[in-house]
């Protein structure tokens, strides 16, 4: 249910709103809260912190709508505002938009237009919520943790969750762009960065599409983590998609003798998930550590161009879902025993 605040000093507008949207109210799709001016609106927002949309007049006593917009950006930046006013001149429209208004409707109100505008605004609110959810789930907020960001993301409750350390069951993927170091030594810095970012964009898109998140970028490699149901399957699906998409990229200019390919290592199991870094610097990396992670990185180091390498434990879990080929026994750094590894074909 969308909660909508209406700020207007016209008493009859409340009656009209309730009449025109009675079906939405009855179906509990919309809930309206009413305020008589900007000052009252800010109080209502304190009383109803789940308000998502503001419909506000401009000309109101005590605090006008444009001042309300400015205050709203300071206190409740996630609320999307729509100005509903008889003052439809370009100057007021521009001022409202510059202060963060999402849309502008003139009086007398066309309720069909208002209804469509509310629906459009609700979609915008849902997109913002999904983005914030993705940020939290994908741990994108993980380098600079200061008071402003924490308040924006949900205050102390989110800060506590961000600082939580735990043992998790997950899959880790290391993806390296093969032979890219040679390019970085022979091309201009702008060219190198542009190329690398374009490859990372491809990787990130496929990782996120499978519900994973980028843990970190390490030079010309990516470390990604997959948690939840079927995390190993999703990690492999993402890896296959990355290998395919990188191979399909258009050829580079003739002056750049490079054809991008990836080598990938995947491992699955228990690992420690937590915030590691310097609290004093407020630079904390929300990451995973442990033997499972180390093995994934070493499997990637063993992988050749266009290879996706997993160990025998992972192979036994996914052999019915993916076509794999046994590579043989390998010696991995700091491992006493050899390990059977497999290549994921498709």
C-alpha atoms as a PDB file:
ATOM      1  CA  UNK A   1       0.000   0.000   0.000  1.00  0.00           C
ATOM      2  CA  UNK A   2       1.340   3.437  -0.953  1.00  0.00           C
ATOM      3  CA  UNK A   3       1.086   6.110   1.738  1.00  0.00           C
ATOM      4  CA  UNK A   4       0.554   9.577   0.241  1.00  0.00           C
ATOM      5  CA  UNK A   5       0.767  12.919   2.063  1.00  0.00           C
ATOM      6  CA  UNK A   6      -1.373  15.767   0.694  1.00  0.00           C
ATOM      7  CA  UNK A   7      -0.289  19.252   1.820  1.00  0.00           C
ATOM      8  CA  UNK A   8      -2.879  21.913   0.901  1.00  0.00           C
ATOM      9  CA  UNK A   9      -4.755  24.580   2.830  1.00  0.00           C
ATOM     10  CA  UNK A  10      -7.932  24.083   0.783  1.00  0.00           C
ATOM     11  CA  UNK A  11     -10.251  22.116   3.076  1.00  0.00           C
ATOM     12  CA  UNK A  12     -12.401  20.745   0.258  1.00  0.00           C
ATOM     13  CA  UNK A  13      -9.413  19.050  -1.426  1.00  0.00           C
ATOM     14  CA  UNK A  14      -9.365  16.363   1.259  1.00  0.00           C
ATOM     15  CA  UNK A  15     -13.004  15.534   0.506  1.00  0.00           C
ATOM     16  CA  UNK A  16     -12.340  15.445  -3.256  1.00  0.00           C
ATOM     17  CA  UNK A  17      -9.300  13.205  -2.847  1.00  0.00           C
ATOM     18  CA  UNK A  18     -11.223  10.742  -0.694  1.00  0.00           C
ATOM     19  CA  UNK A  19     -14.091  10.685  -3.189  1.00  0.00           C
ATOM     20  CA  UNK A  20     -12.010  10.321  -6.336  1.00  0.00           C
ATOM     21  CA  UNK A  21      -9.755   7.637  -4.899  1.00  0.00           C
ATOM     22  CA  UNK A  22     -12.322   5.832  -2.749  1.00  0.00           C
ATOM     23  CA  UNK A  23     -11.856   2.541  -4.603  1.00  0.00           C
ATOM     24  CA  UNK A  24      -8.067   2.612  -4.178  1.00  0.00           C
ATOM     25  CA  UNK A  25      -8.554   3.495  -0.508  1.00  0.00           C
ATOM     26  CA  UNK A  26     -11.105   0.726  -0.044  1.00  0.00           C
ATOM     27  CA  UNK A  27      -8.805  -1.792  -1.737  1.00  0.00           C
ATOM     28  CA  UNK A  28      -6.008  -0.589   0.576  1.00  0.00           C
ATOM     29  CA  UNK A  29      -3.816   0.347  -2.355  1.00  0.00           C
ATOM     30  CA  UNK A  30      -3.574   3.987  -1.270  1.00  0.00           C
ATOM     31  CA  UNK A  31      -3.581   5.576   2.161  1.00  0.00           C
ATOM     32  CA  UNK A  32      -3.811   9.375   2.349  1.00  0.00           C
ATOM     33  CA  UNK A  33      -2.539  11.652   5.116  1.00  0.00           C
ATOM     34  CA  UNK A  34      -3.501  15.343   5.023  1.00  0.00           C
ATOM     35  CA  UNK A  35      -1.665  18.490   6.147  1.00  0.00           C
ATOM     36  CA  UNK A  36      -2.777  22.145   5.981  1.00  0.00           C
ATOM     37  CA  UNK A  37       0.665  23.630   5.207  1.00  0.00           C
ATOM     38  CA  UNK A  38       4.343  22.815   4.911  1.00  0.00           C
ATOM     39  CA  UNK A  39       5.013  22.962   8.641  1.00  0.00           C
ATOM     40  CA  UNK A  40       2.131  20.589   9.324  1.00  0.00           C
ATOM     41  CA  UNK A  41       3.399  18.326   6.528  1.00  0.00           C
ATOM     42  CA  UNK A  42       6.810  17.943   8.191  1.00  0.00           C
ATOM     43  CA  UNK A  43       5.075  16.997  11.434  1.00  0.00           C
ATOM     44  CA  UNK A  44       2.946  14.427   9.615  1.00  0.00           C
ATOM     45  CA  UNK A  45       6.104  12.923   8.084  1.00  0.00           C
ATOM     46  CA  UNK A  46       7.545  12.507  11.585  1.00  0.00           C
ATOM     47  CA  UNK A  47       4.318  10.776  12.657  1.00  0.00           C
ATOM     48  CA  UNK A  48       4.191   8.618   9.505  1.00  0.00           C
ATOM     49  CA  UNK A  49       7.793   7.752   8.530  1.00  0.00           C
ATOM     50  CA  UNK A  50       6.489   5.335   5.862  1.00  0.00           C
ATOM     51  CA  UNK A  51       5.086   8.167   3.701  1.00  0.00           C
ATOM     52  CA  UNK A  52       6.389   7.670   0.164  1.00  0.00           C
ATOM     53  CA  UNK A  53       4.762  10.422  -1.915  1.00  0.00           C
ATOM     54  CA  UNK A  54       4.004  14.093  -1.262  1.00  0.00           C
ATOM     55  CA  UNK A  55       1.328  16.045  -3.162  1.00  0.00           C
ATOM     56  CA  UNK A  56       1.863  19.693  -2.257  1.00  0.00           C
ATOM     57  CA  UNK A  57       0.392  23.071  -3.096  1.00  0.00           C
ATOM     58  CA  UNK A  58       2.773  26.033  -3.445  1.00  0.00           C
ATOM     59  CA  UNK A  59       0.832  28.893  -1.826  1.00  0.00           C
ATOM     60  CA  UNK A  60       0.174  27.875   1.801  1.00  0.00           C
ATOM     61  CA  UNK A  61       0.317  29.790   5.124  1.00  0.00           C
ATOM     62  CA  UNK A  62       3.221  29.414   7.602  1.00  0.00           C
ATOM     63  CA  UNK A  63       5.329  27.363   5.181  1.00  0.00           C
ATOM     64  CA  UNK A  64       4.813  27.314   1.404  1.00  0.00           C
ATOM     65  CA  UNK A  65       5.308  24.334  -0.869  1.00  0.00           C
ATOM     66  CA  UNK A  66       8.674  25.409  -2.298  1.00  0.00           C
ATOM     67  CA  UNK A  67      10.147  25.821   1.186  1.00  0.00           C
ATOM     68  CA  UNK A  68       8.685  22.431   2.076  1.00  0.00           C
ATOM     69  CA  UNK A  69      10.517  20.879  -0.878  1.00  0.00           C
ATOM     70  CA  UNK A  70      13.821  22.280   0.361  1.00  0.00           C
ATOM     71  CA  UNK A  71      13.217  20.954   3.875  1.00  0.00           C
ATOM     72  CA  UNK A  72      12.107  17.618   2.496  1.00  0.00           C
ATOM     73  CA  UNK A  73      15.415  17.118   0.688  1.00  0.00           C
ATOM     74  CA  UNK A  74      17.226  17.600   3.996  1.00  0.00           C
ATOM     75  CA  UNK A  75      15.051  15.366   6.171  1.00  0.00           C
ATOM     76  CA  UNK A  76      13.384  12.798   3.883  1.00  0.00           C
ATOM     77  CA  UNK A  77      15.245  12.525   0.559  1.00  0.00           C
ATOM     78  CA  UNK A  78      13.463   9.311  -0.462  1.00  0.00           C
ATOM     79  CA  UNK A  79       9.968  10.858  -0.522  1.00  0.00           C
ATOM     80  CA  UNK A  80       8.990  11.746  -4.099  1.00  0.00           C
ATOM     81  CA  UNK A  81       7.076  15.002  -4.384  1.00  0.00           C
ATOM     82  CA  UNK A  82       4.510  16.235  -6.894  1.00  0.00           C
ATOM     83  CA  UNK A  83       3.509  19.904  -6.909  1.00  0.00           C
ATOM     84  CA  UNK A  84      -0.241  20.475  -7.350  1.00  0.00           C
ATOM     85  CA  UNK A  85      -0.793  24.205  -7.736  1.00  0.00           C
ATOM     86  CA  UNK A  86      -2.632  26.949  -9.586  1.00  0.00           C
ATOM     87  CA  UNK A  87       0.732  28.662 -10.037  1.00  0.00           C
ATOM     88  CA  UNK A  88       1.668  26.906 -13.254  1.00  0.00           C
ATOM     89  CA  UNK A  89       4.100  29.477 -14.643  1.00  0.00           C
ATOM     90  CA  UNK A  90       7.502  28.339 -15.825  1.00  0.00           C
ATOM     91  CA  UNK A  91       9.363  30.089 -13.002  1.00  0.00           C
ATOM     92  CA  UNK A  92       7.483  28.129 -10.326  1.00  0.00           C
ATOM     93  CA  UNK A  93       7.824  24.887 -12.275  1.00  0.00           C
ATOM     94  CA  UNK A  94      11.589  25.372 -12.641  1.00  0.00           C
ATOM     95  CA  UNK A  95      11.987  26.306  -8.987  1.00  0.00           C
ATOM     96  CA  UNK A  96      10.009  23.245  -7.901  1.00  0.00           C
ATOM     97  CA  UNK A  97      12.007  20.940 -10.156  1.00  0.00           C
ATOM     98  CA  UNK A  98      15.310  22.424  -8.992  1.00  0.00           C
ATOM     99  CA  UNK A  99      14.233  21.691  -5.419  1.00  0.00           C
ATOM    100  CA  UNK A 100      13.566  18.062  -6.195  1.00  0.00           C
ATOM    101  CA  UNK A 101       9.944  17.857  -7.362  1.00  0.00           C
ATOM    102  CA  UNK A 102       9.269  14.719  -9.387  1.00  0.00           C
ATOM    103  CA  UNK A 103       6.342  16.206 -11.332  1.00  0.00           C
ATOM    104  CA  UNK A 104       4.028  19.223 -11.547  1.00  0.00           C
ATOM    105  CA  UNK A 105       0.221  19.356 -11.942  1.00  0.00           C
ATOM    106  CA  UNK A 106      -1.809  22.553 -12.283  1.00  0.00           C
ATOM    107  CA  UNK A 107      -5.165  23.391 -10.709  1.00  0.00           C
ATOM    108  CA  UNK A 108      -8.038  22.933 -11.284  1.00  0.00           C
ATOM    109  CA  UNK A 109      -7.034  19.316 -10.860  1.00  0.00           C
ATOM    110  CA  UNK A 110      -7.641  16.838 -13.642  1.00  0.00           C
ATOM    111  CA  UNK A 111      -8.067  13.742 -11.457  1.00  0.00           C
ATOM    112  CA  UNK A 112      -7.397  11.344 -14.329  1.00  0.00           C
ATOM    113  CA  UNK A 113      -4.065  13.069 -14.854  1.00  0.00           C
ATOM    114  CA  UNK A 114      -3.422  13.062 -11.093  1.00  0.00           C
ATOM    115  CA  UNK A 115      -4.164   9.343 -10.916  1.00  0.00           C
ATOM    116  CA  UNK A 116      -1.686   8.577 -13.710  1.00  0.00           C
ATOM    117  CA  UNK A 117       0.909  10.818 -12.087  1.00  0.00           C
ATOM    118  CA  UNK A 118       0.523   9.049  -8.741  1.00  0.00           C
ATOM    119  CA  UNK A 119       0.935   5.662 -10.449  1.00  0.00           C
ATOM    120  CA  UNK A 120       4.056   6.898 -12.239  1.00  0.00           C
ATOM    121  CA  UNK A 121       5.449   8.264  -8.985  1.00  0.00           C
ATOM    122  CA  UNK A 122       4.748   4.990  -7.175  1.00  0.00           C
ATOM    123  CA  UNK A 123       6.762   3.157  -9.847  1.00  0.00           C
ATOM    124  CA  UNK A 124       9.621   5.570  -9.253  1.00  0.00           C
ATOM    125  CA  UNK A 125       9.431   4.911  -5.504  1.00  0.00           C
ATOM    126  CA  UNK A 126       9.465   1.139  -6.118  1.00  0.00           C
ATOM    127  CA  UNK A 127      12.537   1.488  -8.332  1.00  0.00           C
ATOM    128  CA  UNK A 128      14.323   3.418  -5.596  1.00  0.00           C
ATOM    129  CA  UNK A 129      13.391   0.742  -3.049  1.00  0.00           C
ATOM    130  CA  UNK A 130      14.682  -1.996  -5.338  1.00  0.00           C
ATOM    131  CA  UNK A 131      17.909  -0.069  -5.849  1.00  0.00           C
ATOM    132  CA  UNK A 132      18.412   0.327  -2.102  1.00  0.00           C
ATOM    133  CA  UNK A 133      17.607  -3.339  -1.602  1.00  0.00           C
ATOM    134  CA  UNK A 134      20.200  -4.242  -4.216  1.00  0.00           C
ATOM    135  CA  UNK A 135      22.739  -1.987  -2.528  1.00  0.00           C
ATOM    136  CA  UNK A 136      22.167  -3.704   0.789  1.00  0.00           C
ATOM    137  CA  UNK A 137      22.095  -7.232  -0.637  1.00  0.00           C
ATOM    138  CA  UNK A 138      25.006  -6.745  -3.003  1.00  0.00           C
ATOM    139  CA  UNK A 139      27.132  -4.938  -0.398  1.00  0.00           C
ATOM    140  CA  UNK A 140      27.970  -2.122  -2.784  1.00  0.00           C
ATOM    141  CA  UNK A 141      28.099   0.225   0.202  1.00  0.00           C
ATOM    142  CA  UNK A 142      31.334  -1.064   1.596  1.00  0.00           C
ATOM    143  CA  UNK A 143      34.208   1.393   1.271  1.00  0.00           C
ATOM    144  CA  UNK A 144      33.314   4.705   2.901  1.00  0.00           C
ATOM    145  CA  UNK A 145      30.898   4.351   5.790  1.00  0.00           C
ATOM    146  CA  UNK A 146      30.100   7.736   7.322  1.00  0.00           C
ATOM    147  CA  UNK A 147      27.207   9.151   9.327  1.00  0.00           C
ATOM    148  CA  UNK A 148      25.384  10.649   6.322  1.00  0.00           C
ATOM    149  CA  UNK A 149      25.376   7.386   4.380  1.00  0.00           C
ATOM    150  CA  UNK A 150      24.303   5.346   7.389  1.00  0.00           C
ATOM    151  CA  UNK A 151      21.387   7.687   8.116  1.00  0.00           C
ATOM    152  CA  UNK A 152      20.336   7.556   4.466  1.00  0.00           C
ATOM    153  CA  UNK A 153      20.465   3.762   4.407  1.00  0.00           C
ATOM    154  CA  UNK A 154      18.380   3.283   7.545  1.00  0.00           C
ATOM    155  CA  UNK A 155      20.372   4.585  10.493  1.00  0.00           C
ATOM    156  CA  UNK A 156      21.799   2.503  13.311  1.00  0.00           C
ATOM    157  CA  UNK A 157      19.814  -0.603  12.442  1.00  0.00           C
ATOM    158  CA  UNK A 158      21.519  -0.828   9.073  1.00  0.00           C
ATOM    159  CA  UNK A 159      24.859   0.118  10.620  1.00  0.00           C
ATOM    160  CA  UNK A 160      24.529  -2.849  12.966  1.00  0.00           C
ATOM    161  CA  UNK A 161      23.686  -5.191  10.116  1.00  0.00           C
ATOM    162  CA  UNK A 162      26.593  -3.837   8.081  1.00  0.00           C
ATOM    163  CA  UNK A 163      28.988  -4.512  10.961  1.00  0.00           C
ATOM    164  CA  UNK A 164      27.740  -8.086  11.558  1.00  0.00           C
ATOM    165  CA  UNK A 165      30.368 -10.828  11.274  1.00  0.00           C
ATOM    166  CA  UNK A 166      29.202 -14.370  10.552  1.00  0.00           C
ATOM    167  CA  UNK A 167      30.020 -17.727   9.003  1.00  0.00           C
ATOM    168  CA  UNK A 168      28.134 -18.165   5.734  1.00  0.00           C
ATOM    169  CA  UNK A 169      27.716 -20.861   3.120  1.00  0.00           C
ATOM    170  CA  UNK A 170      28.409 -19.316  -0.287  1.00  0.00           C
ATOM    171  CA  UNK A 171      30.210 -19.602  -3.605  1.00  0.00           C
ATOM    172  CA  UNK A 172      33.140 -17.400  -4.590  1.00  0.00           C
ATOM    173  CA  UNK A 173      34.177 -16.650  -8.156  1.00  0.00           C
ATOM    174  CA  UNK A 174      37.419 -15.106  -9.368  1.00  0.00           C
ATOM    175  CA  UNK A 175      37.385 -13.851 -12.963  1.00  0.00           C
ATOM    176  CA  UNK A 176      40.609 -12.633 -14.549  1.00  0.00           C
ATOM    177  CA  UNK A 177      41.023 -10.905 -17.911  1.00  0.00           C
ATOM    178  CA  UNK A 178      43.818 -12.917 -19.479  1.00  0.00           C
ATOM    179  CA  UNK A 179      47.006 -11.165 -20.637  1.00  0.00           C
ATOM    180  CA  UNK A 180      45.616  -7.711 -19.886  1.00  0.00           C
ATOM    181  CA  UNK A 181      48.817  -6.660 -18.111  1.00  0.00           C
ATOM    182  CA  UNK A 182      50.612  -6.530 -21.464  1.00  0.00           C
ATOM    183  CA  UNK A 183      47.968  -4.121 -22.811  1.00  0.00           C
ATOM    184  CA  UNK A 184      48.332  -1.865 -19.785  1.00  0.00           C
ATOM    185  CA  UNK A 185      52.056  -1.581 -20.525  1.00  0.00           C
ATOM    186  CA  UNK A 186      51.654  -0.735 -24.213  1.00  0.00           C
ATOM    187  CA  UNK A 187      48.563   1.510 -24.402  1.00  0.00           C
ATOM    188  CA  UNK A 188      47.710   4.987 -23.141  1.00  0.00           C
ATOM    189  CA  UNK A 189      46.187   5.133 -19.618  1.00  0.00           C
ATOM    190  CA  UNK A 190      42.823   6.397 -20.901  1.00  0.00           C
ATOM    191  CA  UNK A 191      42.624   3.505 -23.358  1.00  0.00           C
ATOM    192  CA  UNK A 192      43.523   0.957 -20.697  1.00  0.00           C
ATOM    193  CA  UNK A 193      40.956   2.260 -18.178  1.00  0.00           C
ATOM    194  CA  UNK A 194      38.200   2.502 -20.797  1.00  0.00           C
ATOM    195  CA  UNK A 195      38.817  -1.067 -21.960  1.00  0.00           C
ATOM    196  CA  UNK A 196      39.009  -2.462 -18.431  1.00  0.00           C
ATOM    197  CA  UNK A 197      35.828  -0.715 -17.324  1.00  0.00           C
ATOM    198  CA  UNK A 198      33.944  -2.003 -20.354  1.00  0.00           C
ATOM    199  CA  UNK A 199      34.958  -5.592 -19.476  1.00  0.00           C
ATOM    200  CA  UNK A 200      34.027  -5.061 -15.831  1.00  0.00           C
ATOM    201  CA  UNK A 201      30.612  -3.745 -16.921  1.00  0.00           C
ATOM    202  CA  UNK A 202      29.967  -6.996 -18.795  1.00  0.00           C
ATOM    203  CA  UNK A 203      31.034  -9.069 -15.791  1.00  0.00           C
ATOM    204  CA  UNK A 204      29.023  -7.048 -13.297  1.00  0.00           C
ATOM    205  CA  UNK A 205      25.859  -7.259 -15.379  1.00  0.00           C
ATOM    206  CA  UNK A 206      25.963 -11.058 -15.585  1.00  0.00           C
ATOM    207  CA  UNK A 207      26.949 -11.479 -11.921  1.00  0.00           C
ATOM    208  CA  UNK A 208      24.085  -9.301 -10.684  1.00  0.00           C
ATOM    209  CA  UNK A 209      21.662 -11.006 -13.101  1.00  0.00           C
ATOM    210  CA  UNK A 210      22.331 -14.256 -11.228  1.00  0.00           C
ATOM    211  CA  UNK A 211      21.892 -12.665  -7.797  1.00  0.00           C
ATOM    212  CA  UNK A 212      25.592 -12.343  -7.020  1.00  0.00           C
ATOM    213  CA  UNK A 213      27.498  -9.264  -5.933  1.00  0.00           C
ATOM    214  CA  UNK A 214      30.881  -7.814  -6.725  1.00  0.00           C
ATOM    215  CA  UNK A 215      33.006  -8.196  -3.620  1.00  0.00           C
ATOM    216  CA  UNK A 216      35.971  -6.326  -5.070  1.00  0.00           C
ATOM    217  CA  UNK A 217      37.936  -5.436  -8.168  1.00  0.00           C
ATOM    218  CA  UNK A 218      41.542  -6.647  -7.960  1.00  0.00           C
ATOM    219  CA  UNK A 219      43.616  -5.122 -10.748  1.00  0.00           C
ATOM    220  CA  UNK A 220      42.191  -6.704 -13.903  1.00  0.00           C
ATOM    221  CA  UNK A 221      40.232  -9.345 -11.972  1.00  0.00           C
ATOM    222  CA  UNK A 222      36.858  -9.503 -10.253  1.00  0.00           C
ATOM    223  CA  UNK A 223      35.932 -11.333  -7.063  1.00  0.00           C
ATOM    224  CA  UNK A 224      32.213 -12.114  -6.819  1.00  0.00           C
ATOM    225  CA  UNK A 225      30.153 -13.849  -4.139  1.00  0.00           C
ATOM    226  CA  UNK A 226      26.888 -15.773  -4.462  1.00  0.00           C
ATOM    227  CA  UNK A 227      24.727 -16.584  -1.448  1.00  0.00           C
ATOM    228  CA  UNK A 228      21.306 -18.144  -0.958  1.00  0.00           C
ATOM    229  CA  UNK A 229      19.564 -20.971  -2.781  1.00  0.00           C
ATOM    230  CA  UNK A 230      21.556 -22.739  -5.520  1.00  0.00           C
ATOM    231  CA  UNK A 231      24.453 -20.312  -5.056  1.00  0.00           C
ATOM    232  CA  UNK A 232      26.948 -22.634  -6.793  1.00  0.00           C
ATOM    233  CA  UNK A 233      24.663 -23.150  -9.802  1.00  0.00           C
ATOM    234  CA  UNK A 234      24.123 -19.420 -10.106  1.00  0.00           C
ATOM    235  CA  UNK A 235      27.838 -18.755  -9.819  1.00  0.00           C
ATOM    236  CA  UNK A 236      28.505 -21.157 -12.700  1.00  0.00           C
ATOM    237  CA  UNK A 237      25.663 -19.697 -14.786  1.00  0.00           C
ATOM    238  CA  UNK A 238      27.104 -16.219 -14.302  1.00  0.00           C
ATOM    239  CA  UNK A 239      30.579 -17.446 -15.237  1.00  0.00           C
ATOM    240  CA  UNK A 240      29.336 -19.116 -18.413  1.00  0.00           C
ATOM    241  CA  UNK A 241      27.478 -15.930 -19.359  1.00  0.00           C
ATOM    242  CA  UNK A 242      30.561 -13.772 -18.722  1.00  0.00           C
ATOM    243  CA  UNK A 243      32.747 -16.047 -20.838  1.00  0.00           C
ATOM    244  CA  UNK A 244      30.200 -15.923 -23.658  1.00  0.00           C
ATOM    245  CA  UNK A 245      29.598 -12.156 -23.502  1.00  0.00           C
ATOM    246  CA  UNK A 246      33.292 -11.314 -23.379  1.00  0.00           C
ATOM    247  CA  UNK A 247      33.893 -13.514 -26.427  1.00  0.00           C
ATOM    248  CA  UNK A 248      31.094 -11.734 -28.305  1.00  0.00           C
ATOM    249  CA  UNK A 249      32.502  -8.233 -27.793  1.00  0.00           C
ATOM    250  CA  UNK A 250      33.264  -6.377 -31.045  1.00  0.00           C
ATOM    251  CA  UNK A 251      36.885  -6.499 -32.194  1.00  0.00           C
ATOM    252  CA  UNK A 252      39.241  -3.767 -31.035  1.00  0.00           C
ATOM    253  CA  UNK A 253      40.953  -1.357 -33.451  1.00  0.00           C
ATOM    254  CA  UNK A 254      43.737  -2.921 -35.484  1.00  0.00           C
ATOM    255  CA  UNK A 255      46.322  -0.928 -33.530  1.00  0.00           C
ATOM    256  CA  UNK A 256      45.401  -2.832 -30.366  1.00  0.00           C
ATOM    257  CA  UNK A 257      46.451  -6.465 -30.698  1.00  0.00           C
ATOM    258  CA  UNK A 258      44.263  -7.900 -27.985  1.00  0.00           C
ATOM    259  CA  UNK A 259      41.302 -10.274 -27.889  1.00  0.00           C
ATOM    260  CA  UNK A 260      39.731 -10.391 -24.407  1.00  0.00           C
ATOM    261  CA  UNK A 261      39.266 -13.771 -22.742  1.00  0.00           C
ATOM    262  CA  UNK A 262      38.664 -14.727 -19.141  1.00  0.00           C
ATOM    263  CA  UNK A 263      39.986 -17.416 -16.835  1.00  0.00           C
ATOM    264  CA  UNK A 264      37.658 -18.307 -13.973  1.00  0.00           C
ATOM    265  CA  UNK A 265      37.961 -20.214 -10.711  1.00  0.00           C
ATOM    266  CA  UNK A 266      34.955 -21.130  -8.546  1.00  0.00           C
ATOM    267  CA  UNK A 267      34.770 -22.641  -5.087  1.00  0.00           C
ATOM    268  CA  UNK A 268      31.913 -23.237  -2.681  1.00  0.00           C
ATOM    269  CA  UNK A 269      31.671 -23.761   1.064  1.00  0.00           C
ATOM    270  CA  UNK A 270      31.843 -22.041   4.441  1.00  0.00           C
ATOM    271  CA  UNK A 271      33.580 -18.684   4.809  1.00  0.00           C
ATOM    272  CA  UNK A 272      33.675 -15.765   7.225  1.00  0.00           C
ATOM    273  CA  UNK A 273      31.686 -12.727   6.152  1.00  0.00           C
ATOM    274  CA  UNK A 274      32.494  -9.460   7.883  1.00  0.00           C
ATOM    275  CA  UNK A 275      33.728  -5.885   7.782  1.00  0.00           C
ATOM    276  CA  UNK A 276      37.499  -5.734   7.455  1.00  0.00           C
ATOM    277  CA  UNK A 277      39.529  -2.555   7.368  1.00  0.00           C
ATOM    278  CA  UNK A 278      40.227   0.518   9.443  1.00  0.00           C
ATOM    279  CA  UNK A 279      37.405   1.851  11.606  1.00  0.00           C
ATOM    280  CA  UNK A 280      39.464   4.985  12.310  1.00  0.00           C
ATOM    281  CA  UNK A 281      39.706   5.761   8.605  1.00  0.00           C
ATOM    282  CA  UNK A 282      36.058   4.754   8.139  1.00  0.00           C
ATOM    283  CA  UNK A 283      37.226   2.597   5.262  1.00  0.00           C
ATOM    284  CA  UNK A 284      35.779  -0.856   5.737  1.00  0.00           C
ATOM    285  CA  UNK A 285      35.569  -3.608   3.164  1.00  0.00           C
ATOM    286  CA  UNK A 286      32.571  -5.890   3.658  1.00  0.00           C
ATOM    287  CA  UNK A 287      34.076  -9.097   2.338  1.00  0.00           C
ATOM    288  CA  UNK A 288      34.463 -12.844   2.772  1.00  0.00           C
ATOM    289  CA  UNK A 289      37.653 -14.574   3.869  1.00  0.00           C
ATOM    290  CA  UNK A 290      38.834 -18.110   4.553  1.00  0.00           C
ATOM    291  CA  UNK A 291      40.182 -21.224   2.888  1.00  0.00           C
ATOM    292  CA  UNK A 292      37.216 -21.484   0.518  1.00  0.00           C
ATOM    293  CA  UNK A 293      38.047 -18.047  -0.865  1.00  0.00           C
ATOM    294  CA  UNK A 294      41.757 -18.811  -1.135  1.00  0.00           C
ATOM    295  CA  UNK A 295      41.095 -22.021  -3.072  1.00  0.00           C
ATOM    296  CA  UNK A 296      38.797 -20.192  -5.514  1.00  0.00           C
ATOM    297  CA  UNK A 297      41.569 -17.708  -6.272  1.00  0.00           C
ATOM    298  CA  UNK A 298      44.106 -20.482  -6.796  1.00  0.00           C
ATOM    299  CA  UNK A 299      41.731 -22.367  -9.084  1.00  0.00           C
ATOM    300  CA  UNK A 300      41.461 -19.209 -11.166  1.00  0.00           C
ATOM    301  CA  UNK A 301      45.254 -18.978 -11.236  1.00  0.00           C
ATOM    302  CA  UNK A 302      45.376 -22.524 -12.611  1.00  0.00           C
ATOM    303  CA  UNK A 303      42.667 -21.866 -15.251  1.00  0.00           C
ATOM    304  CA  UNK A 304      43.757 -21.134 -18.801  1.00  0.00           C
ATOM    305  CA  UNK A 305      42.099 -18.782 -21.278  1.00  0.00           C
ATOM    306  CA  UNK A 306      38.318 -19.317 -21.459  1.00  0.00           C
ATOM    307  CA  UNK A 307      38.437 -22.035 -18.803  1.00  0.00           C
ATOM    308  CA  UNK A 308      36.073 -22.266 -15.818  1.00  0.00           C
ATOM    309  CA  UNK A 309      37.689 -24.477 -13.163  1.00  0.00           C
ATOM    310  CA  UNK A 310      36.017 -26.097 -10.137  1.00  0.00           C
ATOM    311  CA  UNK A 311      37.187 -28.738  -7.652  1.00  0.00           C
ATOM    312  CA  UNK A 312      35.806 -32.243  -7.212  1.00  0.00           C
ATOM    313  CA  UNK A 313      33.509 -31.295  -4.336  1.00  0.00           C
ATOM    314  CA  UNK A 314      31.799 -28.690  -6.488  1.00  0.00           C
ATOM    315  CA  UNK A 315      31.711 -31.062  -9.456  1.00  0.00           C
ATOM    316  CA  UNK A 316      29.765 -33.639  -7.454  1.00  0.00           C
ATOM    317  CA  UNK A 317      27.161 -31.004  -6.610  1.00  0.00           C
ATOM    318  CA  UNK A 318      26.583 -29.756 -10.148  1.00  0.00           C
ATOM    319  CA  UNK A 319      27.470 -32.685 -12.444  1.00  0.00           C
ATOM    320  CA  UNK A 320      23.798 -33.329 -13.265  1.00  0.00           C
ATOM    321  CA  UNK A 321      23.218 -29.689 -14.231  1.00  0.00           C
ATOM    322  CA  UNK A 322      26.402 -28.813 -16.117  1.00  0.00           C
ATOM    323  CA  UNK A 323      28.632 -30.519 -18.642  1.00  0.00           C
ATOM    324  CA  UNK A 324      32.054 -30.844 -17.016  1.00  0.00           C
ATOM    325  CA  UNK A 325      35.327 -32.411 -18.106  1.00  0.00           C
ATOM    326  CA  UNK A 326      37.942 -33.783 -15.719  1.00  0.00           C
ATOM    327  CA  UNK A 327      41.274 -31.956 -15.976  1.00  0.00           C
ATOM    328  CA  UNK A 328      43.201 -34.050 -13.462  1.00  0.00           C
ATOM    329  CA  UNK A 329      45.101 -33.634 -10.236  1.00  0.00           C
ATOM    330  CA  UNK A 330      46.774 -30.334  -9.426  1.00  0.00           C
ATOM    331  CA  UNK A 331      48.963 -28.999  -6.650  1.00  0.00           C
ATOM    332  CA  UNK A 332      47.652 -25.743  -5.220  1.00  0.00           C
ATOM    333  CA  UNK A 333      49.759 -23.367  -3.172  1.00  0.00           C
ATOM    334  CA  UNK A 334      49.719 -24.066   0.590  1.00  0.00           C
ATOM    335  CA  UNK A 335      47.730 -27.274   0.077  1.00  0.00           C
ATOM    336  CA  UNK A 336      49.354 -30.473   1.383  1.00  0.00           C
ATOM    337  CA  UNK A 337      47.386 -32.797  -0.892  1.00  0.00           C
ATOM    338  CA  UNK A 338      46.697 -32.720  -4.601  1.00  0.00           C
ATOM    339  CA  UNK A 339      43.204 -31.814  -5.746  1.00  0.00           C
ATOM    340  CA  UNK A 340      41.107 -33.152  -8.609  1.00  0.00           C
ATOM    341  CA  UNK A 341      39.772 -30.307 -10.744  1.00  0.00           C
ATOM    342  CA  UNK A 342      37.202 -30.100 -13.525  1.00  0.00           C
ATOM    343  CA  UNK A 343      36.500 -27.692 -16.346  1.00  0.00           C
ATOM    344  CA  UNK A 344      32.898 -26.508 -16.786  1.00  0.00           C
ATOM    345  CA  UNK A 345      32.174 -26.760 -20.495  1.00  0.00           C
ATOM    346  CA  UNK A 346      28.552 -25.582 -20.659  1.00  0.00           C
END
